[in-house]
PDB file of all heavy atoms in Angstrom:
ATOM      1  N   GLU A   1       0.831  -1.211   0.000  1.00  0.00           N
ATOM      2  CA  GLU A   1       0.000   0.000   0.000  1.00  0.00           C
ATOM      3  C   GLU A   1       0.864   1.260   0.000  1.00  0.00           C
ATOM      4  O   GLU A   1       0.636   2.189  -0.793  1.00  0.00           O
ATOM      5  CB  GLU A   1      -0.923  -0.001   1.230  1.00  0.00           C
ATOM      6  CG  GLU A   1      -1.992  -1.087   1.194  1.00  0.00           C
ATOM      7  CD  GLU A   1      -2.618  -1.350   2.553  1.00  0.00           C
ATOM      8  OE1 GLU A   1      -2.313  -0.592   3.505  1.00  0.00           O
ATOM      9  OE2 GLU A   1      -3.393  -2.319   2.672  1.00  0.00           O
ATOM     10  N   GLU A   2       1.844   1.304   0.877  1.00  0.00           N
ATOM     11  CA  GLU A   2       2.697   2.488   0.973  1.00  0.00           C
ATOM     12  C   GLU A   2       3.693   2.564  -0.172  1.00  0.00           C
ATOM     13  O   GLU A   2       4.057   3.654  -0.617  1.00  0.00           O
ATOM     14  CB  GLU A   2       3.422   2.505   2.324  1.00  0.00           C
ATOM     15  CG  GLU A   2       2.525   2.710   3.519  1.00  0.00           C
ATOM     16  CD  GLU A   2       1.770   4.026   3.466  1.00  0.00           C
ATOM     17  OE1 GLU A   2       2.410   5.071   3.209  1.00  0.00           O
ATOM     18  OE2 GLU A   2       0.545   4.004   3.677  1.00  0.00           O
ATOM     19  N   GLY A   3       4.137   1.399  -0.635  1.00  0.00           N
ATOM     20  CA  GLY A   3       5.081   1.369  -1.746  1.00  0.00           C
ATOM     21  C   GLY A   3       4.500   1.939  -3.022  1.00  0.00           C
ATOM     22  O   GLY A   3       5.222   2.510  -3.854  1.00  0.00           O
ATOM     23  N   ALA A   4       3.191   1.804  -3.188  1.00  0.00           N
ATOM     24  CA  ALA A   4       2.527   2.357  -4.367  1.00  0.00           C
ATOM     25  C   ALA A   4       2.477   3.882  -4.323  1.00  0.00           C
ATOM     26  O   ALA A   4       2.410   4.545  -5.366  1.00  0.00           O
ATOM     27  CB  ALA A   4       1.108   1.794  -4.470  1.00  0.00           C
ATOM     28  N   LYS A   5       2.533   4.446  -3.111  1.00  0.00           N
ATOM     29  CA  LYS A   5       2.471   5.901  -2.948  1.00  0.00           C
ATOM     30  C   LYS A   5       3.852   6.544  -2.883  1.00  0.00           C
ATOM     31  O   LYS A   5       4.003   7.727  -3.190  1.00  0.00           O
ATOM     32  CB  LYS A   5       1.724   6.252  -1.645  1.00  0.00           C
ATOM     33  CG  LYS A   5       0.348   5.664  -1.497  1.00  0.00           C
ATOM     34  CD  LYS A   5      -0.171   6.004  -0.107  1.00  0.00           C
ATOM     35  CE  LYS A   5      -1.319   5.101   0.301  1.00  0.00           C
ATOM     36  NZ  LYS A   5      -1.694   5.309   1.714  1.00  0.00           N
ATOM     37  N   ASN A   6       4.837   5.780  -2.448  1.00  0.00           N
ATOM     38  CA  ASN A   6       6.153   6.341  -2.146  1.00  0.00           C
ATOM     39  C   ASN A   6       7.254   5.506  -2.805  1.00  0.00           C
ATOM     40  O   ASN A   6       7.546   4.403  -2.373  1.00  0.00           O
ATOM     41  CB  ASN A   6       6.346   6.386  -0.629  1.00  0.00           C
ATOM     42  CG  ASN A   6       7.632   7.064  -0.208  1.00  0.00           C
ATOM     43  OD1 ASN A   6       8.480   7.384  -1.042  1.00  0.00           O
ATOM     44  ND2 ASN A   6       7.786   7.273   1.084  1.00  0.00           N
ATOM     45  N   ASN A   7       7.869   6.057  -3.819  1.00  0.00           N
ATOM     46  CA  ASN A   7       8.927   5.343  -4.541  1.00  0.00           C
ATOM     47  C   ASN A   7      10.223   5.214  -3.749  1.00  0.00           C
ATOM     48  O   ASN A   7      11.133   4.488  -4.162  1.00  0.00           O
ATOM     49  CB  ASN A   7       9.215   6.040  -5.878  1.00  0.00           C
ATOM     50  CG  ASN A   7       8.087   5.876  -6.874  1.00  0.00           C
ATOM     51  OD1 ASN A   7       7.383   4.866  -6.871  1.00  0.00           O
ATOM     52  ND2 ASN A   7       7.894   6.873  -7.728  1.00  0.00           N
ATOM     53  N   ASP A   8      10.312   5.917  -2.632  1.00  0.00           N
ATOM     54  CA  ASP A   8      11.523   5.847  -1.804  1.00  0.00           C
ATOM     55  C   ASP A   8      11.506   4.671  -0.828  1.00  0.00           C
ATOM     56  O   ASP A   8      12.492   4.418  -0.150  1.00  0.00           O
ATOM     57  CB  ASP A   8      11.722   7.151  -1.016  1.00  0.00           C
ATOM     58  CG  ASP A   8      12.241   8.282  -1.892  1.00  0.00           C
ATOM     59  OD1 ASP A   8      12.910   7.969  -2.899  1.00  0.00           O
ATOM     60  OD2 ASP A   8      11.968   9.450  -1.578  1.00  0.00           O
ATOM     61  N   ILE A   9      10.381   3.967  -0.733  1.00  0.00           N
ATOM     62  CA  ILE A   9      10.312   2.807   0.156  1.00  0.00           C
ATOM     63  C   ILE A   9      11.020   1.624  -0.500  1.00  0.00           C
ATOM     64  O   ILE A   9      10.700   1.233  -1.625  1.00  0.00           O
ATOM     65  CB  ILE A   9       8.858   2.439   0.496  1.00  0.00           C
ATOM     66  CG1 ILE A   9       8.254   3.509   1.415  1.00  0.00           C
ATOM     67  CG2 ILE A   9       8.777   1.059   1.158  1.00  0.00           C
ATOM     68  CD1 ILE A   9       6.819   3.249   1.802  1.00  0.00           C
ATOM     69  N   VAL A  10      11.997   1.079   0.210  1.00  0.00           N
ATOM     70  CA  VAL A  10      12.711  -0.116  -0.249  1.00  0.00           C
ATOM     71  C   VAL A  10      12.690  -1.154   0.875  1.00  0.00           C
ATOM     72  O   VAL A  10      12.605  -0.810   2.058  1.00  0.00           O
ATOM     73  CB  VAL A  10      14.167   0.192  -0.659  1.00  0.00           C
ATOM     74  CG1 VAL A  10      14.200   1.122  -1.858  1.00  0.00           C
ATOM     75  CG2 VAL A  10      14.951   0.791   0.498  1.00  0.00           C
ATOM     76  N   VAL A  11      12.756  -2.413   0.505  1.00  0.00           N
ATOM     77  CA  VAL A  11      12.605  -3.507   1.466  1.00  0.00           C
ATOM     78  C   VAL A  11      13.745  -4.505   1.314  1.00  0.00           C
ATOM     79  O   VAL A  11      14.104  -4.896   0.200  1.00  0.00           O
ATOM     80  CB  VAL A  11      11.251  -4.222   1.267  1.00  0.00           C
ATOM     81  CG1 VAL A  11      11.107  -5.398   2.231  1.00  0.00           C
ATOM     82  CG2 VAL A  11      10.093  -3.240   1.435  1.00  0.00           C
ATOM     83  N   PHE A  12      14.298  -4.914   2.454  1.00  0.00           N
ATOM     84  CA  PHE A  12      15.348  -5.927   2.495  1.00  0.00           C
ATOM     85  C   PHE A  12      14.841  -7.161   3.221  1.00  0.00           C
ATOM     86  O   PHE A  12      14.096  -7.051   4.197  1.00  0.00           O
ATOM     87  CB  PHE A  12      16.590  -5.391   3.231  1.00  0.00           C
ATOM     88  CG  PHE A  12      17.396  -4.416   2.438  1.00  0.00           C
ATOM     89  CD1 PHE A  12      16.980  -3.093   2.304  1.00  0.00           C
ATOM     90  CD2 PHE A  12      18.584  -4.797   1.823  1.00  0.00           C
ATOM     91  CE1 PHE A  12      17.722  -2.184   1.577  1.00  0.00           C
ATOM     92  CE2 PHE A  12      19.335  -3.899   1.089  1.00  0.00           C
ATOM     93  CZ  PHE A  12      18.907  -2.582   0.969  1.00  0.00           C
ATOM     94  N   ASP A  13      15.272  -8.330   2.753  1.00  0.00           N
ATOM     95  CA  ASP A  13      14.924  -9.588   3.418  1.00  0.00           C
ATOM     96  C   ASP A  13      16.129 -10.520   3.357  1.00  0.00           C
ATOM     97  O   ASP A  13      17.089 -10.265   2.630  1.00  0.00           O
ATOM     98  CB  ASP A  13      13.698 -10.225   2.769  1.00  0.00           C
ATOM     99  CG  ASP A  13      12.881 -11.043   3.758  1.00  0.00           C
ATOM    100  OD1 ASP A  13      13.427 -12.027   4.302  1.00  0.00           O
ATOM    101  OD2 ASP A  13      11.718 -10.701   3.986  1.00  0.00           O
ATOM    102  N   ALA A  14      16.063 -11.578   4.145  1.00  0.00           N
ATOM    103  CA  ALA A  14      17.189 -12.512   4.228  1.00  0.00           C
ATOM    104  C   ALA A  14      16.708 -13.939   3.964  1.00  0.00           C
ATOM    105  O   ALA A  14      16.680 -14.773   4.867  1.00  0.00           O
ATOM    106  CB  ALA A  14      17.873 -12.410   5.596  1.00  0.00           C
ATOM    107  N   ASP A  15      16.281 -14.183   2.737  1.00  0.00           N
ATOM    108  CA  ASP A  15      15.878 -15.505   2.275  1.00  0.00           C
ATOM    109  C   ASP A  15      14.583 -16.002   2.916  1.00  0.00           C
ATOM    110  O   ASP A  15      14.324 -17.205   2.938  1.00  0.00           O
ATOM    111  CB  ASP A  15      17.010 -16.523   2.518  1.00  0.00           C
ATOM    112  CG  ASP A  15      16.834 -17.786   1.676  1.00  0.00           C
ATOM    113  OD1 ASP A  15      16.572 -17.648   0.466  1.00  0.00           O
ATOM    114  OD2 ASP A  15      16.958 -18.895   2.226  1.00  0.00           O
ATOM    115  N   LEU A  16      13.776 -15.089   3.448  1.00  0.00           N
ATOM    116  CA  LEU A  16      12.533 -15.496   4.106  1.00  0.00           C
ATOM    117  C   LEU A  16      11.347 -14.646   3.656  1.00  0.00           C
ATOM    118  O   LEU A  16      10.394 -14.446   4.409  1.00  0.00           O
ATOM    119  CB  LEU A  16      12.684 -15.408   5.633  1.00  0.00           C
ATOM    120  CG  LEU A  16      13.584 -16.463   6.278  1.00  0.00           C
ATOM    121  CD1 LEU A  16      13.870 -16.109   7.731  1.00  0.00           C
ATOM    122  CD2 LEU A  16      12.952 -17.839   6.191  1.00  0.00           C
ATOM    123  N   ALA A  17      11.400 -14.147   2.431  1.00  0.00           N
ATOM    124  CA  ALA A  17      10.383 -13.208   1.961  1.00  0.00           C
ATOM    125  C   ALA A  17       8.973 -13.794   1.983  1.00  0.00           C
ATOM    126  O   ALA A  17       7.999 -13.077   2.237  1.00  0.00           O
ATOM    127  CB  ALA A  17      10.725 -12.721   0.559  1.00  0.00           C
ATOM    128  N   THR A  18       8.845 -15.093   1.721  1.00  0.00           N
ATOM    129  CA  THR A  18       7.519 -15.720   1.764  1.00  0.00           C
ATOM    130  C   THR A  18       6.989 -15.749   3.187  1.00  0.00           C
ATOM    131  O   THR A  18       5.815 -15.446   3.440  1.00  0.00           O
ATOM    132  CB  THR A  18       7.578 -17.151   1.200  1.00  0.00           C
ATOM    133  OG1 THR A  18       8.014 -17.100  -0.163  1.00  0.00           O
ATOM    134  CG2 THR A  18       6.216 -17.815   1.255  1.00  0.00           C
ATOM    135  N   ALA A  19       7.842 -16.096   4.128  1.00  0.00           N
ATOM    136  CA  ALA A  19       7.431 -16.191   5.529  1.00  0.00           C
ATOM    137  C   ALA A  19       7.187 -14.819   6.156  1.00  0.00           C
ATOM    138  O   ALA A  19       6.238 -14.633   6.914  1.00  0.00           O
ATOM    139  CB  ALA A  19       8.485 -16.951   6.336  1.00  0.00           C
ATOM    140  N   THR A  20       8.031 -13.857   5.856  1.00  0.00           N
ATOM    141  CA  THR A  20       7.872 -12.520   6.440  1.00  0.00           C
ATOM    142  C   THR A  20       6.810 -11.701   5.720  1.00  0.00           C
ATOM    143  O   THR A  20       6.434 -10.625   6.184  1.00  0.00           O
ATOM    144  CB  THR A  20       9.195 -11.736   6.391  1.00  0.00           C
ATOM    145  OG1 THR A  20       9.570 -11.527   5.022  1.00  0.00           O
ATOM    146  CG2 THR A  20      10.309 -12.460   7.130  1.00  0.00           C
ATOM    147  N   GLN A  21       6.362 -12.205   4.579  1.00  0.00           N
ATOM    148  CA  GLN A  21       5.334 -11.566   3.746  1.00  0.00           C
ATOM    149  C   GLN A  21       5.855 -10.364   2.946  1.00  0.00           C
ATOM    150  O   GLN A  21       5.070  -9.643   2.325  1.00  0.00           O
ATOM    151  CB  GLN A  21       4.123 -11.131   4.588  1.00  0.00           C
ATOM    152  CG  GLN A  21       3.438 -12.274   5.318  1.00  0.00           C
ATOM    153  CD  GLN A  21       2.696 -13.230   4.400  1.00  0.00           C
ATOM    154  OE1 GLN A  21       1.833 -12.818   3.652  1.00  0.00           O
ATOM    155  NE2 GLN A  21       3.012 -14.506   4.464  1.00  0.00           N
ATOM    156  N   THR A  22       7.177 -10.147   2.930  1.00  0.00           N
ATOM    157  CA  THR A  22       7.706  -9.095   2.060  1.00  0.00           C
ATOM    158  C   THR A  22       7.665  -9.520   0.591  1.00  0.00           C
ATOM    159  O   THR A  22       7.899  -8.699  -0.301  1.00  0.00           O
ATOM    160  CB  THR A  22       9.153  -8.704   2.433  1.00  0.00           C
ATOM    161  OG1 THR A  22      10.038  -9.788   2.143  1.00  0.00           O
ATOM    162  CG2 THR A  22       9.256  -8.309   3.897  1.00  0.00           C
ATOM    163  N   LYS A  23       7.341 -10.781   0.362  1.00  0.00           N
ATOM    164  CA  LYS A  23       7.179 -11.265  -1.014  1.00  0.00           C
ATOM    165  C   LYS A  23       6.105 -10.469  -1.748  1.00  0.00           C
ATOM    166  O   LYS A  23       6.176 -10.276  -2.970  1.00  0.00           O
ATOM    167  CB  LYS A  23       6.831 -12.755  -0.996  1.00  0.00           C
ATOM    168  CG  LYS A  23       6.704 -13.376  -2.382  1.00  0.00           C
ATOM    169  CD  LYS A  23       6.345 -14.859  -2.294  1.00  0.00           C
ATOM    170  CE  LYS A  23       6.199 -15.475  -3.678  1.00  0.00           C
ATOM    171  NZ  LYS A  23       5.817 -16.913  -3.593  1.00  0.00           N
ATOM    172  N   MET A  24       5.098 -10.010  -1.021  1.00  0.00           N
ATOM    173  CA  MET A  24       4.041  -9.193  -1.627  1.00  0.00           C
ATOM    174  C   MET A  24       4.643  -7.956  -2.285  1.00  0.00           C
ATOM    175  O   MET A  24       4.281  -7.586  -3.405  1.00  0.00           O
ATOM    176  CB  MET A  24       3.020  -8.749  -0.565  1.00  0.00           C
ATOM    177  CG  MET A  24       2.235  -9.843   0.097  1.00  0.00           C
ATOM    178  SD  MET A  24       1.003  -9.076   1.201  1.00  0.00           S
ATOM    179  CE  MET A  24       0.551 -10.485   2.205  1.00  0.00           C
ATOM    180  N   PHE A  25       5.563  -7.323  -1.561  1.00  0.00           N
ATOM    181  CA  PHE A  25       6.224  -6.119  -2.080  1.00  0.00           C
ATOM    182  C   PHE A  25       7.123  -6.475  -3.253  1.00  0.00           C
ATOM    183  O   PHE A  25       7.177  -5.753  -4.257  1.00  0.00           O
ATOM    184  CB  PHE A  25       7.035  -5.463  -0.960  1.00  0.00           C
ATOM    185  CG  PHE A  25       7.647  -4.145  -1.326  1.00  0.00           C
ATOM    186  CD1 PHE A  25       6.952  -2.958  -1.166  1.00  0.00           C
ATOM    187  CD2 PHE A  25       8.948  -4.082  -1.829  1.00  0.00           C
ATOM    188  CE1 PHE A  25       7.527  -1.741  -1.508  1.00  0.00           C
ATOM    189  CE2 PHE A  25       9.528  -2.877  -2.167  1.00  0.00           C
ATOM    190  CZ  PHE A  25       8.815  -1.699  -2.014  1.00  0.00           C
ATOM    191  N   ALA A  26       7.846  -7.590  -3.123  1.00  0.00           N
ATOM    192  CA  ALA A  26       8.771  -8.016  -4.180  1.00  0.00           C
ATOM    193  C   ALA A  26       8.043  -8.260  -5.493  1.00  0.00           C
ATOM    194  O   ALA A  26       8.565  -7.955  -6.578  1.00  0.00           O
ATOM    195  CB  ALA A  26       9.505  -9.278  -3.744  1.00  0.00           C
ATOM    196  N   GLU A  27       6.840  -8.810  -5.419  1.00  0.00           N
ATOM    197  CA  GLU A  27       6.076  -9.097  -6.634  1.00  0.00           C
ATOM    198  C   GLU A  27       5.590  -7.829  -7.320  1.00  0.00           C
ATOM    199  O   GLU A  27       5.503  -7.770  -8.544  1.00  0.00           O
ATOM    200  CB  GLU A  27       4.890 -10.001  -6.283  1.00  0.00           C
ATOM    201  CG  GLU A  27       5.317 -11.416  -5.894  1.00  0.00           C
ATOM    202  CD  GLU A  27       4.163 -12.253  -5.365  1.00  0.00           C
ATOM    203  OE1 GLU A  27       3.099 -11.661  -5.041  1.00  0.00           O
ATOM    204  OE2 GLU A  27       4.323 -13.479  -5.256  1.00  0.00           O
ATOM    205  N   LYS A  28       5.292  -6.803  -6.519  1.00  0.00           N
ATOM    206  CA  LYS A  28       4.801  -5.541  -7.076  1.00  0.00           C
ATOM    207  C   LYS A  28       5.938  -4.612  -7.492  1.00  0.00           C
ATOM    208  O   LYS A  28       5.854  -3.908  -8.510  1.00  0.00           O
ATOM    209  CB  LYS A  28       3.917  -4.828  -6.035  1.00  0.00           C
ATOM    210  CG  LYS A  28       2.599  -5.517  -5.743  1.00  0.00           C
ATOM    211  CD  LYS A  28       1.610  -5.318  -6.878  1.00  0.00           C
ATOM    212  CE  LYS A  28       0.241  -5.879  -6.511  1.00  0.00           C
ATOM    213  NZ  LYS A  28      -0.734  -5.677  -7.611  1.00  0.00           N
ATOM    214  N   PHE A  29       6.993  -4.598  -6.685  1.00  0.00           N
ATOM    215  CA  PHE A  29       8.091  -3.647  -6.913  1.00  0.00           C
ATOM    216  C   PHE A  29       9.440  -4.379  -6.839  1.00  0.00           C
ATOM    217  O   PHE A  29      10.221  -4.179  -5.903  1.00  0.00           O
ATOM    218  CB  PHE A  29       8.035  -2.520  -5.878  1.00  0.00           C
ATOM    219  CG  PHE A  29       6.665  -1.928  -5.691  1.00  0.00           C
ATOM    220  CD1 PHE A  29       5.911  -2.231  -4.560  1.00  0.00           C
ATOM    221  CD2 PHE A  29       6.121  -1.089  -6.652  1.00  0.00           C
ATOM    222  CE1 PHE A  29       4.642  -1.698  -4.386  1.00  0.00           C
ATOM    223  CE2 PHE A  29       4.845  -0.550  -6.486  1.00  0.00           C
ATOM    224  CZ  PHE A  29       4.103  -0.860  -5.357  1.00  0.00           C
ATOM    225  N   PRO A  30       9.723  -5.251  -7.800  1.00  0.00           N
ATOM    226  CA  PRO A  30      10.932  -6.074  -7.750  1.00  0.00           C
ATOM    227  C   PRO A  30      12.234  -5.275  -7.703  1.00  0.00           C
ATOM    228  O   PRO A  30      13.224  -5.739  -7.122  1.00  0.00           O
ATOM    229  CB  PRO A  30      10.847  -6.921  -9.026  1.00  0.00           C
ATOM    230  CG  PRO A  30       9.910  -6.180  -9.928  1.00  0.00           C
ATOM    231  CD  PRO A  30       8.934  -5.511  -9.029  1.00  0.00           C
ATOM    232  N   ASN A  31      12.237  -4.085  -8.268  1.00  0.00           N
ATOM    233  CA  ASN A  31      13.461  -3.278  -8.283  1.00  0.00           C
ATOM    234  C   ASN A  31      13.745  -2.594  -6.950  1.00  0.00           C
ATOM    235  O   ASN A  31      14.825  -2.016  -6.759  1.00  0.00           O
ATOM    236  CB  ASN A  31      13.388  -2.211  -9.385  1.00  0.00           C
ATOM    237  CG  ASN A  31      13.404  -2.821 -10.770  1.00  0.00           C
ATOM    238  OD1 ASN A  31      13.958  -3.900 -10.971  1.00  0.00           O
ATOM    239  ND2 ASN A  31      12.778  -2.140 -11.727  1.00  0.00           N
ATOM    240  N   ARG A  32      12.774  -2.667  -6.036  1.00  0.00           N
ATOM    241  CA  ARG A  32      12.958  -2.047  -4.714  1.00  0.00           C
ATOM    242  C   ARG A  32      12.980  -3.085  -3.593  1.00  0.00           C
ATOM    243  O   ARG A  32      12.893  -2.739  -2.423  1.00  0.00           O
ATOM    244  CB  ARG A  32      11.865  -1.005  -4.458  1.00  0.00           C
ATOM    245  CG  ARG A  32      12.030   0.253  -5.306  1.00  0.00           C
ATOM    246  CD  ARG A  32      11.060   1.331  -4.860  1.00  0.00           C
ATOM    247  NE  ARG A  32       9.757   1.212  -5.491  1.00  0.00           N
ATOM    248  CZ  ARG A  32       8.602   1.526  -4.890  1.00  0.00           C
ATOM    249  NH1 ARG A  32       8.587   1.913  -3.631  1.00  0.00           N
ATOM    250  NH2 ARG A  32       7.460   1.407  -5.542  1.00  0.00           N
ATOM    251  N   HIS A  33      13.053  -4.339  -3.960  1.00  0.00           N
ATOM    252  CA  HIS A  33      13.145  -5.415  -2.971  1.00  0.00           C
ATOM    253  C   HIS A  33      14.487  -6.117  -3.134  1.00  0.00           C
ATOM    254  O   HIS A  33      14.859  -6.524  -4.224  1.00  0.00           O
ATOM    255  CB  HIS A  33      12.006  -6.415  -3.162  1.00  0.00           C
ATOM    256  CG  HIS A  33      11.972  -7.504  -2.132  1.00  0.00           C
ATOM    257  ND1 HIS A  33      12.733  -8.650  -2.231  1.00  0.00           N
ATOM    258  CD2 HIS A  33      11.282  -7.610  -0.968  1.00  0.00           C
ATOM    259  CE1 HIS A  33      12.509  -9.429  -1.178  1.00  0.00           C
ATOM    260  NE2 HIS A  33      11.624  -8.821  -0.403  1.00  0.00           N
ATOM    261  N   PHE A  34      15.209  -6.258  -2.020  1.00  0.00           N
ATOM    262  CA  PHE A  34      16.548  -6.835  -2.059  1.00  0.00           C
ATOM    263  C   PHE A  34      16.614  -8.044  -1.126  1.00  0.00           C
ATOM    264  O   PHE A  34      16.528  -7.894   0.094  1.00  0.00           O
ATOM    265  CB  PHE A  34      17.598  -5.797  -1.627  1.00  0.00           C
ATOM    266  CG  PHE A  34      17.585  -4.566  -2.480  1.00  0.00           C
ATOM    267  CD1 PHE A  34      16.771  -3.477  -2.144  1.00  0.00           C
ATOM    268  CD2 PHE A  34      18.345  -4.481  -3.635  1.00  0.00           C
ATOM    269  CE1 PHE A  34      16.741  -2.341  -2.932  1.00  0.00           C
ATOM    270  CE2 PHE A  34      18.318  -3.345  -4.431  1.00  0.00           C
ATOM    271  CZ  PHE A  34      17.513  -2.275  -4.075  1.00  0.00           C
ATOM    272  N   ASP A  35      16.742  -9.227  -1.713  1.00  0.00           N
ATOM    273  CA  ASP A  35      16.878 -10.445  -0.928  1.00  0.00           C
ATOM    274  C   ASP A  35      18.362 -10.744  -0.779  1.00  0.00           C
ATOM    275  O   ASP A  35      19.053 -11.060  -1.743  1.00  0.00           O
ATOM    276  CB  ASP A  35      16.164 -11.612  -1.604  1.00  0.00           C
ATOM    277  CG  ASP A  35      15.963 -12.778  -0.649  1.00  0.00           C
ATOM    278  OD1 ASP A  35      16.875 -13.037   0.160  1.00  0.00           O
ATOM    279  OD2 ASP A  35      14.895 -13.413  -0.705  1.00  0.00           O
ATOM    280  N   MET A  36      18.848 -10.658   0.463  1.00  0.00           N
ATOM    281  CA  MET A  36      20.283 -10.782   0.729  1.00  0.00           C
ATOM    282  C   MET A  36      20.711 -12.215   1.015  1.00  0.00           C
ATOM    283  O   MET A  36      21.877 -12.463   1.335  1.00  0.00           O
ATOM    284  CB  MET A  36      20.663  -9.893   1.921  1.00  0.00           C
ATOM    285  CG  MET A  36      20.272  -8.436   1.773  1.00  0.00           C
ATOM    286  SD  MET A  36      21.028  -7.637   0.349  1.00  0.00           S
ATOM    287  CE  MET A  36      22.732  -7.609   0.860  1.00  0.00           C
ATOM    288  N   GLY A  37      19.772 -13.163   0.901  1.00  0.00           N
ATOM    289  CA  GLY A  37      20.120 -14.545   1.217  1.00  0.00           C
ATOM    290  C   GLY A  37      20.274 -14.747   2.713  1.00  0.00           C
ATOM    291  O   GLY A  37      19.904 -13.893   3.520  1.00  0.00           O
ATOM    292  N   ILE A  38      20.817 -15.901   3.085  1.00  0.00           N
ATOM    293  CA  ILE A  38      20.969 -16.211   4.522  1.00  0.00           C
ATOM    294  C   ILE A  38      22.202 -15.470   5.027  1.00  0.00           C
ATOM    295  O   ILE A  38      23.274 -16.043   5.252  1.00  0.00           O
ATOM    296  CB  ILE A  38      21.074 -17.724   4.745  1.00  0.00           C
ATOM    297  CG1 ILE A  38      19.883 -18.431   4.097  1.00  0.00           C
ATOM    298  CG2 ILE A  38      21.090 -18.044   6.248  1.00  0.00           C
ATOM    299  CD1 ILE A  38      19.960 -19.938   4.125  1.00  0.00           C
ATOM    300  N   SER A  39      22.039 -14.170   5.183  1.00  0.00           N
ATOM    301  CA  SER A  39      23.157 -13.289   5.536  1.00  0.00           C
ATOM    302  C   SER A  39      22.601 -12.061   6.248  1.00  0.00           C
ATOM    303  O   SER A  39      22.634 -10.948   5.728  1.00  0.00           O
ATOM    304  CB  SER A  39      23.927 -12.893   4.276  1.00  0.00           C
ATOM    305  OG  SER A  39      25.017 -12.081   4.581  1.00  0.00           O
ATOM    306  N   GLU A  40      22.081 -12.286   7.461  1.00  0.00           N
ATOM    307  CA  GLU A  40      21.381 -11.228   8.180  1.00  0.00           C
ATOM    308  C   GLU A  40      22.276 -10.042   8.524  1.00  0.00           C
ATOM    309  O   GLU A  40      21.847  -8.879   8.443  1.00  0.00           O
ATOM    310  CB  GLU A  40      20.748 -11.784   9.458  1.00  0.00           C
ATOM    311  CG  GLU A  40      19.594 -12.734   9.233  1.00  0.00           C
ATOM    312  CD  GLU A  40      20.020 -14.149   8.883  1.00  0.00           C
ATOM    313  OE1 GLU A  40      21.240 -14.428   8.918  1.00  0.00           O
ATOM    314  OE2 GLU A  40      19.139 -14.977   8.578  1.00  0.00           O
ATOM    315  N   GLN A  41      23.519 -10.316   8.920  1.00  0.00           N
ATOM    316  CA  GLN A  41      24.435  -9.219   9.253  1.00  0.00           C
ATOM    317  C   GLN A  41      24.681  -8.341   8.033  1.00  0.00           C
ATOM    318  O   GLN A  41      24.679  -7.104   8.120  1.00  0.00           O
ATOM    319  CB  GLN A  41      25.763  -9.765   9.788  1.00  0.00           C
ATOM    320  CG  GLN A  41      25.630 -10.544  11.089  1.00  0.00           C
ATOM    321  CD  GLN A  41      25.593 -12.046  10.856  1.00  0.00           C
ATOM    322  OE1 GLN A  41      25.054 -12.514   9.855  1.00  0.00           O
ATOM    323  NE2 GLN A  41      26.167 -12.805  11.773  1.00  0.00           N
ATOM    324  N   ASP A  42      24.905  -8.978   6.898  1.00  0.00           N
ATOM    325  CA  ASP A  42      25.113  -8.251   5.654  1.00  0.00           C
ATOM    326  C   ASP A  42      23.864  -7.457   5.286  1.00  0.00           C
ATOM    327  O   ASP A  42      23.945  -6.306   4.829  1.00  0.00           O
ATOM    328  CB  ASP A  42      25.480  -9.235   4.542  1.00  0.00           C
ATOM    329  CG  ASP A  42      25.876  -8.550   3.243  1.00  0.00           C
ATOM    330  OD1 ASP A  42      26.344  -7.396   3.306  1.00  0.00           O
ATOM    331  OD2 ASP A  42      25.727  -9.171   2.178  1.00  0.00           O
ATOM    332  N   MET A  43      22.692  -8.060   5.505  1.00  0.00           N
ATOM    333  CA  MET A  43      21.449  -7.376   5.198  1.00  0.00           C
ATOM    334  C   MET A  43      21.315  -6.090   5.999  1.00  0.00           C
ATOM    335  O   MET A  43      20.977  -5.026   5.448  1.00  0.00           O
ATOM    336  CB  MET A  43      20.238  -8.273   5.493  1.00  0.00           C
ATOM    337  CG  MET A  43      18.900  -7.591   5.234  1.00  0.00           C
ATOM    338  SD  MET A  43      17.463  -8.536   5.775  1.00  0.00           S
ATOM    339  CE  MET A  43      17.600  -8.375   7.564  1.00  0.00           C
ATOM    340  N   VAL A  44      21.585  -6.152   7.295  1.00  0.00           N
ATOM    341  CA  VAL A  44      21.453  -4.967   8.146  1.00  0.00           C
ATOM    342  C   VAL A  44      22.442  -3.887   7.720  1.00  0.00           C
ATOM    343  O   VAL A  44      22.089  -2.707   7.594  1.00  0.00           O
ATOM    344  CB  VAL A  44      21.654  -5.330   9.635  1.00  0.00           C
ATOM    345  CG1 VAL A  44      21.749  -4.066  10.493  1.00  0.00           C
ATOM    346  CG2 VAL A  44      20.501  -6.200  10.124  1.00  0.00           C
ATOM    347  N   GLY A  45      23.691  -4.275   7.456  1.00  0.00           N
ATOM    348  CA  GLY A  45      24.688  -3.293   7.035  1.00  0.00           C
ATOM    349  C   GLY A  45      24.329  -2.631   5.721  1.00  0.00           C
ATOM    350  O   GLY A  45      24.420  -1.403   5.570  1.00  0.00           O
ATOM    351  N   THR A  46      23.902  -3.437   4.753  1.00  0.00           N
ATOM    352  CA  THR A  46      23.534  -2.902   3.439  1.00  0.00           C
ATOM    353  C   THR A  46      22.281  -2.039   3.534  1.00  0.00           C
ATOM    354  O   THR A  46      22.198  -0.967   2.911  1.00  0.00           O
ATOM    355  CB  THR A  46      23.306  -4.050   2.436  1.00  0.00           C
ATOM    356  OG1 THR A  46      24.441  -4.910   2.429  1.00  0.00           O
ATOM    357  CG2 THR A  46      23.074  -3.510   1.036  1.00  0.00           C
ATOM    358  N   ALA A  47      21.308  -2.492   4.331  1.00  0.00           N
ATOM    359  CA  ALA A  47      20.076  -1.725   4.506  1.00  0.00           C
ATOM    360  C   ALA A  47      20.359  -0.380   5.162  1.00  0.00           C
ATOM    361  O   ALA A  47      19.753   0.642   4.804  1.00  0.00           O
ATOM    362  CB  ALA A  47      19.074  -2.523   5.339  1.00  0.00           C
TER     363      ALA A  47
END
């Protein structure tokens, strides 16, 4: 909902997008969703 209004919203996940439900965002805005794999520390630093 917010991603459709705001192009500055980006989402990071760590190989759990289906479980965390960020997959919804990834399907709508693939260029603003970053799946970092099983690498949570890297995800936080990059985010």
